[in-house]
PDB file of N, CA and C in Angstrom:
ATOM      1  N   MET A   1       0.849  -1.168   0.000  1.00  0.00           N
ATOM      2  CA  MET A   1       0.000   0.000   0.000  1.00  0.00           C
ATOM      3  C   MET A   1       0.898   1.235   0.000  1.00  0.00           C
ATOM      4  N   SER A   2       0.662   2.154  -0.895  1.00  0.00           N
ATOM      5  CA  SER A   2       1.471   3.369  -0.915  1.00  0.00           C
ATOM      6  C   SER A   2       0.644   4.545  -0.412  1.00  0.00           C
ATOM      7  N   GLU A   3       0.929   4.954   0.795  1.00  0.00           N
ATOM      8  CA  GLU A   3       0.214   6.063   1.397  1.00  0.00           C
ATOM      9  C   GLU A   3       1.226   7.129   1.784  1.00  0.00           C
ATOM     10  N   LYS A   4       0.770   8.332   1.929  1.00  0.00           N
ATOM     11  CA  LYS A   4       1.611   9.393   2.444  1.00  0.00           C
ATOM     12  C   LYS A   4       1.373   9.470   3.935  1.00  0.00           C
ATOM     13  N   ASN A   5       2.433   9.304   4.720  1.00  0.00           N
ATOM     14  CA  ASN A   5       2.346   9.348   6.177  1.00  0.00           C
ATOM     15  C   ASN A   5       1.400   8.290   6.723  1.00  0.00           C
ATOM     16  N   GLY A   6       1.221   7.188   6.015  1.00  0.00           N
ATOM     17  CA  GLY A   6       0.344   6.132   6.482  1.00  0.00           C
ATOM     18  C   GLY A   6      -1.131   6.423   6.289  1.00  0.00           C
ATOM     19  N   ARG A   7      -1.447   7.531   5.667  1.00  0.00           N
ATOM     20  CA  ARG A   7      -2.850   7.899   5.453  1.00  0.00           C
ATOM     21  C   ARG A   7      -3.410   7.204   4.220  1.00  0.00           C
ATOM     22  N   TYR A   8      -4.705   6.966   4.263  1.00  0.00           N
ATOM     23  CA  TYR A   8      -5.392   6.391   3.111  1.00  0.00           C
ATOM     24  C   TYR A   8      -6.855   6.825   3.150  1.00  0.00           C
ATOM     25  N   PHE A   9      -7.555   6.597   2.055  1.00  0.00           N
ATOM     26  CA  PHE A   9      -8.943   7.022   1.913  1.00  0.00           C
ATOM     27  C   PHE A   9      -9.868   5.836   1.683  1.00  0.00           C
ATOM     28  N   LYS A  10     -11.117   6.020   2.093  1.00  0.00           N
ATOM     29  CA  LYS A  10     -12.212   5.155   1.679  1.00  0.00           C
ATOM     30  C   LYS A  10     -13.205   6.064   0.966  1.00  0.00           C
ATOM     31  N   TYR A  11     -13.558   5.664  -0.244  1.00  0.00           N
ATOM     32  CA  TYR A  11     -14.438   6.465  -1.098  1.00  0.00           C
ATOM     33  C   TYR A  11     -15.717   5.677  -1.362  1.00  0.00           C
ATOM     34  N   PHE A  12     -16.845   6.268  -1.006  1.00  0.00           N
ATOM     35  CA  PHE A  12     -18.158   5.651  -1.201  1.00  0.00           C
ATOM     36  C   PHE A  12     -18.899   6.417  -2.284  1.00  0.00           C
ATOM     37  N   TYR A  13     -19.395   5.697  -3.268  1.00  0.00           N
ATOM     38  CA  TYR A  13     -20.030   6.311  -4.429  1.00  0.00           C
ATOM     39  C   TYR A  13     -21.253   5.510  -4.839  1.00  0.00           C
ATOM     40  N   GLY A  14     -21.937   5.991  -5.850  1.00  0.00           N
ATOM     41  CA  GLY A  14     -23.058   5.284  -6.458  1.00  0.00           C
ATOM     42  C   GLY A  14     -22.972   5.431  -7.959  1.00  0.00           C
ATOM     43  N   ASP A  15     -23.475   4.456  -8.689  1.00  0.00           N
ATOM     44  CA  ASP A  15     -23.354   4.460 -10.151  1.00  0.00           C
ATOM     45  C   ASP A  15     -24.079   5.625 -10.820  1.00  0.00           C
ATOM     46  N   ASN A  16     -25.224   6.000 -10.342  1.00  0.00           N
ATOM     47  CA  ASN A  16     -26.017   7.049 -10.994  1.00  0.00           C
ATOM     48  C   ASN A  16     -26.014   8.356 -10.213  1.00  0.00           C
ATOM     49  N   CYS A  17     -24.942   8.637  -9.535  1.00  0.00           N
ATOM     50  CA  CYS A  17     -24.834   9.806  -8.667  1.00  0.00           C
ATOM     51  C   CYS A  17     -24.081  10.921  -9.397  1.00  0.00           C
ATOM     52  N   PRO A  18     -24.744  12.067  -9.667  1.00  0.00           N
ATOM     53  CA  PRO A  18     -24.069  13.152 -10.388  1.00  0.00           C
ATOM     54  C   PRO A  18     -22.871  13.734  -9.631  1.00  0.00           C
ATOM     55  N   ASN A  19     -22.975  13.887  -8.317  1.00  0.00           N
ATOM     56  CA  ASN A  19     -21.838  14.403  -7.550  1.00  0.00           C
ATOM     57  C   ASN A  19     -20.675  13.418  -7.546  1.00  0.00           C
ATOM     58  N   CYS A  20     -20.983  12.136  -7.616  1.00  0.00           N
ATOM     59  CA  CYS A  20     -19.931  11.119  -7.677  1.00  0.00           C
ATOM     60  C   CYS A  20     -19.158  11.239  -8.984  1.00  0.00           C
ATOM     61  N   LYS A  21     -19.870  11.486 -10.061  1.00  0.00           N
ATOM     62  CA  LYS A  21     -19.208  11.656 -11.361  1.00  0.00           C
ATOM     63  C   LYS A  21     -18.234  12.829 -11.315  1.00  0.00           C
ATOM     64  N   ARG A  22     -18.661  13.926 -10.664  1.00  0.00           N
ATOM     65  CA  ARG A  22     -17.789  15.103 -10.559  1.00  0.00           C
ATOM     66  C   ARG A  22     -16.572  14.842  -9.679  1.00  0.00           C
ATOM     67  N   SER A  23     -16.708  13.978  -8.687  1.00  0.00           N
ATOM     68  CA  SER A  23     -15.600  13.725  -7.771  1.00  0.00           C
ATOM     69  C   SER A  23     -14.578  12.728  -8.330  1.00  0.00           C
ATOM     70  N   GLU A  24     -14.902  12.082  -9.453  1.00  0.00           N
ATOM     71  CA  GLU A  24     -13.989  11.090 -10.025  1.00  0.00           C
ATOM     72  C   GLU A  24     -12.628  11.687 -10.376  1.00  0.00           C
ATOM     73  N   LYS A  25     -12.589  12.925 -10.852  1.00  0.00           N
ATOM     74  CA  LYS A  25     -11.308  13.562 -11.194  1.00  0.00           C
ATOM     75  C   LYS A  25     -10.441  13.735  -9.950  1.00  0.00           C
ATOM     76  N   LEU A  26     -11.066  14.095  -8.831  1.00  0.00           N
ATOM     77  CA  LEU A  26     -10.332  14.222  -7.577  1.00  0.00           C
ATOM     78  C   LEU A  26      -9.766  12.871  -7.161  1.00  0.00           C
ATOM     79  N   ILE A  27     -10.567  11.828  -7.235  1.00  0.00           N
ATOM     80  CA  ILE A  27     -10.123  10.489  -6.859  1.00  0.00           C
ATOM     81  C   ILE A  27      -8.950  10.057  -7.737  1.00  0.00           C
ATOM     82  N   GLU A  28      -9.044  10.302  -9.030  1.00  0.00           N
ATOM     83  CA  GLU A  28      -7.957   9.970  -9.950  1.00  0.00           C
ATOM     84  C   GLU A  28      -6.684  10.731  -9.590  1.00  0.00           C
ATOM     85  N   ARG A  29      -6.830  11.996  -9.236  1.00  0.00           N
ATOM     86  CA  ARG A  29      -5.655  12.804  -8.878  1.00  0.00           C
ATOM     87  C   ARG A  29      -4.998  12.290  -7.596  1.00  0.00           C
ATOM     88  N   LEU A  30      -5.798  11.932  -6.611  1.00  0.00           N
ATOM     89  CA  LEU A  30      -5.252  11.393  -5.369  1.00  0.00           C
ATOM     90  C   LEU A  30      -4.494  10.093  -5.631  1.00  0.00           C
ATOM     91  N   GLU A  31      -5.047   9.253  -6.482  1.00  0.00           N
ATOM     92  CA  GLU A  31      -4.374   8.001  -6.837  1.00  0.00           C
ATOM     93  C   GLU A  31      -3.083   8.287  -7.590  1.00  0.00           C
ATOM     94  N   LYS A  32      -3.122   9.251  -8.487  1.00  0.00           N
ATOM     95  CA  LYS A  32      -1.940   9.624  -9.258  1.00  0.00           C
ATOM     96  C   LYS A  32      -0.840  10.148  -8.340  1.00  0.00           C
ATOM     97  N   ASP A  33      -1.238  10.803  -7.249  1.00  0.00           N
ATOM     98  CA  ASP A  33      -0.286  11.326  -6.265  1.00  0.00           C
ATOM     99  C   ASP A  33       0.240  10.231  -5.335  1.00  0.00           C
ATOM    100  N   GLY A  34      -0.189   8.987  -5.548  1.00  0.00           N
ATOM    101  CA  GLY A  34       0.332   7.870  -4.794  1.00  0.00           C
ATOM    102  C   GLY A  34      -0.444   7.514  -3.539  1.00  0.00           C
ATOM    103  N   LEU A  35      -1.625   8.079  -3.379  1.00  0.00           N
ATOM    104  CA  LEU A  35      -2.430   7.771  -2.198  1.00  0.00           C
ATOM    105  C   LEU A  35      -3.297   6.538  -2.459  1.00  0.00           C
ATOM    106  N   HIS A  36      -3.437   5.741  -1.446  1.00  0.00           N
ATOM    107  CA  HIS A  36      -4.255   4.532  -1.555  1.00  0.00           C
ATOM    108  C   HIS A  36      -5.716   4.898  -1.301  1.00  0.00           C
ATOM    109  N   ILE A  37      -6.589   4.455  -2.192  1.00  0.00           N
ATOM    110  CA  ILE A  37      -8.020   4.726  -2.052  1.00  0.00           C
ATOM    111  C   ILE A  37      -8.783   3.419  -2.216  1.00  0.00           C
ATOM    112  N   GLU A  38      -9.536   3.070  -1.180  1.00  0.00           N
ATOM    113  CA  GLU A  38     -10.432   1.925  -1.256  1.00  0.00           C
ATOM    114  C   GLU A  38     -11.780   2.443  -1.726  1.00  0.00           C
ATOM    115  N   LYS A  39     -12.337   1.819  -2.757  1.00  0.00           N
ATOM    116  CA  LYS A  39     -13.586   2.288  -3.355  1.00  0.00           C
ATOM    117  C   LYS A  39     -14.714   1.308  -3.075  1.00  0.00           C
ATOM    118  N   TYR A  40     -15.874   1.877  -2.703  1.00  0.00           N
ATOM    119  CA  TYR A  40     -17.041   1.069  -2.371  1.00  0.00           C
ATOM    120  C   TYR A  40     -18.279   1.656  -3.023  1.00  0.00           C
ATOM    121  N   ASN A  41     -19.012   0.825  -3.722  1.00  0.00           N
ATOM    122  CA  ASN A  41     -20.279   1.247  -4.298  1.00  0.00           C
ATOM    123  C   ASN A  41     -21.346   1.102  -3.214  1.00  0.00           C
ATOM    124  N   ALA A  42     -21.671   2.209  -2.570  1.00  0.00           N
ATOM    125  CA  ALA A  42     -22.586   2.202  -1.421  1.00  0.00           C
ATOM    126  C   ALA A  42     -24.017   1.882  -1.814  1.00  0.00           C
ATOM    127  N   ARG A  43     -24.321   1.926  -3.097  1.00  0.00           N
ATOM    128  CA  ARG A  43     -25.677   1.648  -3.569  1.00  0.00           C
ATOM    129  C   ARG A  43     -25.737   0.391  -4.427  1.00  0.00           C
ATOM    130  N   SER A  44     -24.736  -0.461  -4.283  1.00  0.00           N
ATOM    131  CA  SER A  44     -24.656  -1.667  -5.089  1.00  0.00           C
ATOM    132  C   SER A  44     -25.814  -2.618  -4.796  1.00  0.00           C
ATOM    133  N   GLU A  45     -26.349  -3.195  -5.848  1.00  0.00           N
ATOM    134  CA  GLU A  45     -27.388  -4.206  -5.694  1.00  0.00           C
ATOM    135  C   GLU A  45     -26.793  -5.606  -5.743  1.00  0.00           C
ATOM    136  N   THR A  46     -25.503  -5.696  -6.065  1.00  0.00           N
ATOM    137  CA  THR A  46     -24.878  -7.007  -6.216  1.00  0.00           C
ATOM    138  C   THR A  46     -23.701  -7.243  -5.269  1.00  0.00           C
ATOM    139  N   ASP A  47     -23.175  -6.206  -4.638  1.00  0.00           N
ATOM    140  CA  ASP A  47     -22.014  -6.367  -3.766  1.00  0.00           C
ATOM    141  C   ASP A  47     -22.377  -6.012  -2.324  1.00  0.00           C
ATOM    142  N   ALA A  48     -22.774  -7.014  -1.583  1.00  0.00           N
ATOM    143  CA  ALA A  48     -23.195  -6.800  -0.194  1.00  0.00           C
ATOM    144  C   ALA A  48     -22.048  -6.299   0.681  1.00  0.00           C
ATOM    145  N   ASP A  49     -20.805  -6.672   0.337  1.00  0.00           N
ATOM    146  CA  ASP A  49     -19.659  -6.211   1.124  1.00  0.00           C
ATOM    147  C   ASP A  49     -19.489  -4.697   1.027  1.00  0.00           C
ATOM    148  N   ASP A  50     -19.684  -4.140  -0.170  1.00  0.00           N
ATOM    149  CA  ASP A  50     -19.588  -2.689  -0.335  1.00  0.00           C
ATOM    150  C   ASP A  50     -20.664  -1.979   0.488  1.00  0.00           C
ATOM    151  N   VAL A  51     -21.862  -2.497   0.438  1.00  0.00           N
ATOM    152  CA  VAL A  51     -22.978  -1.896   1.178  1.00  0.00           C
ATOM    153  C   VAL A  51     -22.732  -2.017   2.683  1.00  0.00           C
ATOM    154  N   ALA A  52     -22.195  -3.146   3.120  1.00  0.00           N
ATOM    155  CA  ALA A  52     -21.893  -3.344   4.539  1.00  0.00           C
ATOM    156  C   ALA A  52     -20.817  -2.374   5.017  1.00  0.00           C
ATOM    157  N   GLU A  53     -19.823  -2.138   4.185  1.00  0.00           N
ATOM    158  CA  GLU A  53     -18.763  -1.180   4.528  1.00  0.00           C
ATOM    159  C   GLU A  53     -19.349   0.222   4.683  1.00  0.00           C
ATOM    160  N   ALA A  54     -20.241   0.597   3.793  1.00  0.00           N
ATOM    161  CA  ALA A  54     -20.906   1.903   3.890  1.00  0.00           C
ATOM    162  C   ALA A  54     -21.721   1.997   5.171  1.00  0.00           C
ATOM    163  N   TYR A  55     -22.396   0.931   5.506  1.00  0.00           N
ATOM    164  CA  TYR A  55     -23.201   0.905   6.729  1.00  0.00           C
ATOM    165  C   TYR A  55     -22.310   1.041   7.965  1.00  0.00           C
ATOM    166  N   MET A  56     -21.159   0.372   7.944  1.00  0.00           N
ATOM    167  CA  MET A  56     -20.246   0.408   9.081  1.00  0.00           C
ATOM    168  C   MET A  56     -19.761   1.833   9.380  1.00  0.00           C
ATOM    169  N   TYR A  57     -19.590   2.640   8.334  1.00  0.00           N
ATOM    170  CA  TYR A  57     -19.130   4.018   8.507  1.00  0.00           C
ATOM    171  C   TYR A  57     -20.280   5.021   8.453  1.00  0.00           C
ATOM    172  N   MET A  58     -21.499   4.520   8.570  1.00  0.00           N
ATOM    173  CA  MET A  58     -22.701   5.354   8.607  1.00  0.00           C
ATOM    174  C   MET A  58     -22.783   6.326   7.425  1.00  0.00           C
ATOM    175  N   VAL A  59     -22.465   5.819   6.244  1.00  0.00           N
ATOM    176  CA  VAL A  59     -22.558   6.620   5.032  1.00  0.00           C
ATOM    177  C   VAL A  59     -24.032   6.768   4.680  1.00  0.00           C
ATOM    178  N   GLN A  60     -24.514   7.996   4.731  1.00  0.00           N
ATOM    179  CA  GLN A  60     -25.920   8.260   4.440  1.00  0.00           C
ATOM    180  C   GLN A  60     -26.109   9.011   3.137  1.00  0.00           C
ATOM    181  N   SER A  61     -25.055   9.646   2.655  1.00  0.00           N
ATOM    182  CA  SER A  61     -25.097  10.380   1.392  1.00  0.00           C
ATOM    183  C   SER A  61     -23.845  10.040   0.601  1.00  0.00           C
ATOM    184  N   ILE A  62     -23.995  10.109  -0.704  1.00  0.00           N
ATOM    185  CA  ILE A  62     -22.847   9.869  -1.573  1.00  0.00           C
ATOM    186  C   ILE A  62     -22.665  11.065  -2.493  1.00  0.00           C
ATOM    187  N   PRO A  63     -21.427  11.333  -2.876  1.00  0.00           N
ATOM    188  CA  PRO A  63     -20.220  10.631  -2.471  1.00  0.00           C
ATOM    189  C   PRO A  63     -19.823  10.968  -1.036  1.00  0.00           C
ATOM    190  N   THR A  64     -19.115  10.043  -0.437  1.00  0.00           N
ATOM    191  CA  THR A  64     -18.490  10.264   0.861  1.00  0.00           C
ATOM    192  C   THR A  64     -17.041   9.813   0.748  1.00  0.00           C
ATOM    193  N   LEU A  65     -16.147  10.668   1.202  1.00  0.00           N
ATOM    194  CA  LEU A  65     -14.717  10.385   1.185  1.00  0.00           C
ATOM    195  C   LEU A  65     -14.219  10.501   2.619  1.00  0.00           C
ATOM    196  N   ILE A  66     -13.577   9.455   3.113  1.00  0.00           N
ATOM    197  CA  ILE A  66     -13.092   9.438   4.489  1.00  0.00           C
ATOM    198  C   ILE A  66     -11.577   9.242   4.473  1.00  0.00           C
ATOM    199  N   LEU A  67     -10.876  10.123   5.179  1.00  0.00           N
ATOM    200  CA  LEU A  67      -9.420  10.037   5.314  1.00  0.00           C
ATOM    201  C   LEU A  67      -9.087   9.384   6.650  1.00  0.00           C
ATOM    202  N   PHE A  68      -8.224   8.369   6.605  1.00  0.00           N
ATOM    203  CA  PHE A  68      -7.783   7.647   7.799  1.00  0.00           C
ATOM    204  C   PHE A  68      -6.295   7.874   8.016  1.00  0.00           C
ATOM    205  N   ASP A  69      -5.878   7.846   9.286  1.00  0.00           N
ATOM    206  CA  ASP A  69      -4.453   7.918   9.577  1.00  0.00           C
ATOM    207  C   ASP A  69      -3.867   6.510   9.635  1.00  0.00           C
ATOM    208  N   LYS A  70      -2.576   6.420   9.959  1.00  0.00           N
ATOM    209  CA  LYS A  70      -1.907   5.121   9.968  1.00  0.00           C
ATOM    210  C   LYS A  70      -2.413   4.184  11.060  1.00  0.00           C
ATOM    211  N   HIS A  71      -3.192   4.715  12.001  1.00  0.00           N
ATOM    212  CA  HIS A  71      -3.770   3.899  13.065  1.00  0.00           C
ATOM    213  C   HIS A  71      -5.233   3.548  12.778  1.00  0.00           C
ATOM    214  N   ASP A  72      -5.665   3.791  11.553  1.00  0.00           N
ATOM    215  CA  ASP A  72      -7.034   3.518  11.103  1.00  0.00           C
ATOM    216  C   ASP A  72      -8.082   4.375  11.815  1.00  0.00           C
ATOM    217  N   GLU A  73      -7.660   5.531  12.287  1.00  0.00           N
ATOM    218  CA  GLU A  73      -8.575   6.490  12.905  1.00  0.00           C
ATOM    219  C   GLU A  73      -9.015   7.492  11.843  1.00  0.00           C
ATOM    220  N   ILE A  74     -10.277   7.900  11.897  1.00  0.00           N
ATOM    221  CA  ILE A  74     -10.790   8.880  10.939  1.00  0.00           C
ATOM    222  C   ILE A  74     -10.184  10.246  11.225  1.00  0.00           C
ATOM    223  N   VAL A  75      -9.593  10.846  10.191  1.00  0.00           N
ATOM    224  CA  VAL A  75      -9.007  12.180  10.279  1.00  0.00           C
ATOM    225  C   VAL A  75     -10.011  13.220   9.821  1.00  0.00           C
ATOM    226  N   CYS A  76     -10.693  12.912   8.727  1.00  0.00           N
ATOM    227  CA  CYS A  76     -11.639  13.862   8.147  1.00  0.00           C
ATOM    228  C   CYS A  76     -12.632  13.098   7.271  1.00  0.00           C
ATOM    229  N   LYS A  77     -13.817  13.701   7.111  1.00  0.00           N
ATOM    230  CA  LYS A  77     -14.868  13.070   6.297  1.00  0.00           C
ATOM    231  C   LYS A  77     -15.546  14.160   5.467  1.00  0.00           C
ATOM    232  N   TRP A  78     -15.650  13.920   4.171  1.00  0.00           N
ATOM    233  CA  TRP A  78     -16.329  14.832   3.261  1.00  0.00           C
ATOM    234  C   TRP A  78     -17.564  14.139   2.705  1.00  0.00           C
ATOM    235  N   VAL A  79     -18.665  14.862   2.650  1.00  0.00           N
ATOM    236  CA  VAL A  79     -19.923  14.284   2.185  1.00  0.00           C
ATOM    237  C   VAL A  79     -20.545  15.215   1.144  1.00  0.00           C
ATOM    238  N   GLY A  80     -21.077  14.608   0.078  1.00  0.00           N
ATOM    239  CA  GLY A  80     -21.769  15.398  -0.943  1.00  0.00           C
ATOM    240  C   GLY A  80     -20.825  15.904  -2.014  1.00  0.00           C
ATOM    241  N   ASP A  81     -21.086  17.078  -2.489  1.00  0.00           N
ATOM    242  CA  ASP A  81     -20.280  17.686  -3.549  1.00  0.00           C
ATOM    243  C   ASP A  81     -18.934  18.096  -2.945  1.00  0.00           C
ATOM    244  N   ILE A  82     -17.925  17.251  -3.122  1.00  0.00           N
ATOM    245  CA  ILE A  82     -16.640  17.403  -2.449  1.00  0.00           C
ATOM    246  C   ILE A  82     -15.801  18.477  -3.138  1.00  0.00           C
ATOM    247  N   ASN A  83     -15.330  19.447  -2.339  1.00  0.00           N
ATOM    248  CA  ASN A  83     -14.445  20.493  -2.836  1.00  0.00           C
ATOM    249  C   ASN A  83     -13.018  19.956  -2.869  1.00  0.00           C
ATOM    250  N   PRO A  84     -12.419  19.804  -4.052  1.00  0.00           N
ATOM    251  CA  PRO A  84     -11.066  19.256  -4.150  1.00  0.00           C
ATOM    252  C   PRO A  84     -10.041  20.027  -3.303  1.00  0.00           C
ATOM    253  N   ASN A  85     -10.183  21.332  -3.203  1.00  0.00           N
ATOM    254  CA  ASN A  85      -9.225  22.127  -2.443  1.00  0.00           C
ATOM    255  C   ASN A  85      -9.223  21.739  -0.971  1.00  0.00           C
ATOM    256  N   ASP A  86     -10.364  21.379  -0.432  1.00  0.00           N
ATOM    257  CA  ASP A  86     -10.444  20.951   0.970  1.00  0.00           C
ATOM    258  C   ASP A  86      -9.659  19.670   1.198  1.00  0.00           C
ATOM    259  N   VAL A  87      -9.706  18.786   0.229  1.00  0.00           N
ATOM    260  CA  VAL A  87      -9.030  17.483   0.353  1.00  0.00           C
ATOM    261  C   VAL A  87      -7.548  17.631   0.078  1.00  0.00           C
ATOM    262  N   LEU A  88      -7.185  18.358  -0.943  1.00  0.00           N
ATOM    263  CA  LEU A  88      -5.787  18.440  -1.367  1.00  0.00           C
ATOM    264  C   LEU A  88      -4.916  19.198  -0.384  1.00  0.00           C
ATOM    265  N   ARG A  89      -5.462  20.050   0.422  1.00  0.00           N
ATOM    266  CA  ARG A  89      -4.636  20.812   1.370  1.00  0.00           C
ATOM    267  C   ARG A  89      -4.200  19.984   2.575  1.00  0.00           C
ATOM    268  N   LEU A  90      -4.821  18.814   2.774  1.00  0.00           N
ATOM    269  CA  LEU A  90      -4.426  17.967   3.910  1.00  0.00           C
ATOM    270  C   LEU A  90      -3.216  17.208   3.554  1.00  0.00           C
TER     271      LEU A  90
END
């Protein structure tokens, strides 16, 4: 896993979510910068594990992006129309 300072993200999205489509460029940029991102389709009808992961983190809206530290503690959580500048400054 290649993370900066042990940090990594969990990204929850949905297939027909307009805000999720807009956040894809941010996700691609974070990956390009070498950050590890776990992706989960929170509205999947076929992947119960993805839905369970969303439930575990109480994801109620998509997209949701959660930043974790090296101890698996939540550092920050963004919900809805994610502002790339808020994420990139961390």
